[in-house]
Amino acid sequence: MKPTSLPRVANADWYRVTDWQQETACQWCGTPLLVGDAALEAFAGIYCSESCVNDSHPLEMTEAKD
């Protein structure tokens, strides 16, 4: 999965999973994030997309946009 735009979340970073020890699942939807996938680290969690960050932290996203 590739990022399609820059994250709108403050203090969020995209990174590429480069090692099997980094493999995990999205903390919102459970999608596996495997070697070669892009992952978004935000709010002390790992997510597969901006949508999952938005859905899991709607209040914080509203505040970040203002």
Protein backbone atom coordinates (compact mmCIF):
# COMPACT_ATOMS: atom_id res chain seq x y z
CA MET A 1 0.00 0.00 0.00
CA LYS A 2 1.48 3.38 -0.98
CA PRO A 3 0.71 6.76 0.51
CA THR A 4 -1.38 8.85 -1.86
CA SER A 5 -0.86 12.20 -0.16
CA LEU A 6 0.91 13.76 2.75
CA PRO A 7 -0.62 12.98 6.12
CA ARG A 8 -2.82 15.73 7.56
CA VAL A 9 -2.01 14.59 11.08
CA ALA A 10 0.39 16.57 13.25
CA ASN A 11 3.46 14.55 14.25
CA ALA A 12 2.71 11.75 11.76
CA ASP A 13 5.36 10.08 9.64
CA TRP A 14 5.18 7.68 6.72
CA TYR A 15 7.83 4.98 6.67
CA ARG A 16 8.52 1.85 4.67
CA VAL A 17 8.50 -1.54 6.44
CA THR A 18 11.99 -2.80 5.58
CA ASP A 19 12.45 -5.82 7.83
CA TRP A 20 10.24 -8.71 8.91
CA GLN A 21 10.70 -7.60 12.53
CA GLN A 22 8.84 -4.37 11.69
CA GLU A 23 5.85 -6.23 10.29
CA THR A 24 2.65 -5.49 12.19
CA ALA A 25 -1.04 -4.84 11.65
CA CYS A 26 -2.88 -1.55 11.31
CA GLN A 27 -4.13 -0.60 14.75
CA TRP A 28 -7.53 0.43 13.38
CA CYS A 29 -8.54 -2.05 10.67
CA GLY A 30 -6.06 -4.88 11.22
CA THR A 31 -4.60 -4.87 7.70
CA PRO A 32 -1.21 -6.62 7.76
CA LEU A 33 1.73 -4.29 7.11
CA LEU A 34 4.46 -6.43 5.58
CA VAL A 35 7.96 -5.82 4.23
CA GLY A 36 7.73 -3.30 1.39
CA ASP A 37 4.48 -1.70 2.60
CA ALA A 38 4.17 1.94 3.62
CA ALA A 39 2.92 2.58 7.15
CA LEU A 40 1.85 5.74 8.95
CA GLU A 41 2.98 6.29 12.52
CA ALA A 42 0.65 8.65 14.41
CA PHE A 43 -0.72 9.00 17.94
CA ALA A 44 1.72 6.33 19.19
CA GLY A 45 0.23 3.80 16.77
CA ILE A 46 0.88 2.30 13.36
CA TYR A 47 -1.75 2.61 10.62
CA CYS A 48 -2.10 1.56 6.98
CA SER A 49 -3.67 4.82 5.76
CA GLU A 50 -4.76 8.34 6.64
CA SER A 51 -8.34 7.06 6.65
CA CYS A 52 -7.57 4.69 9.50
CA VAL A 53 -5.89 7.48 11.48
CA ASN A 54 -8.90 9.75 10.83
CA ASP A 55 -11.40 7.06 11.84
CA SER A 56 -9.53 6.09 15.00
CA HIS A 57 -8.90 9.67 16.20
CA PRO A 58 -11.70 11.88 14.84
CA LEU A 59 -11.48 14.48 17.61
CA GLU A 60 -7.72 14.93 17.23
CA MET A 61 -8.08 15.24 13.44
CA THR A 62 -10.65 18.03 13.81
CA GLU A 63 -8.31 19.90 16.13
CA ALA A 64 -5.29 19.39 13.83
CA LYS A 65 -7.11 20.91 10.82
CA ASP A 66 -8.07 24.14 12.61
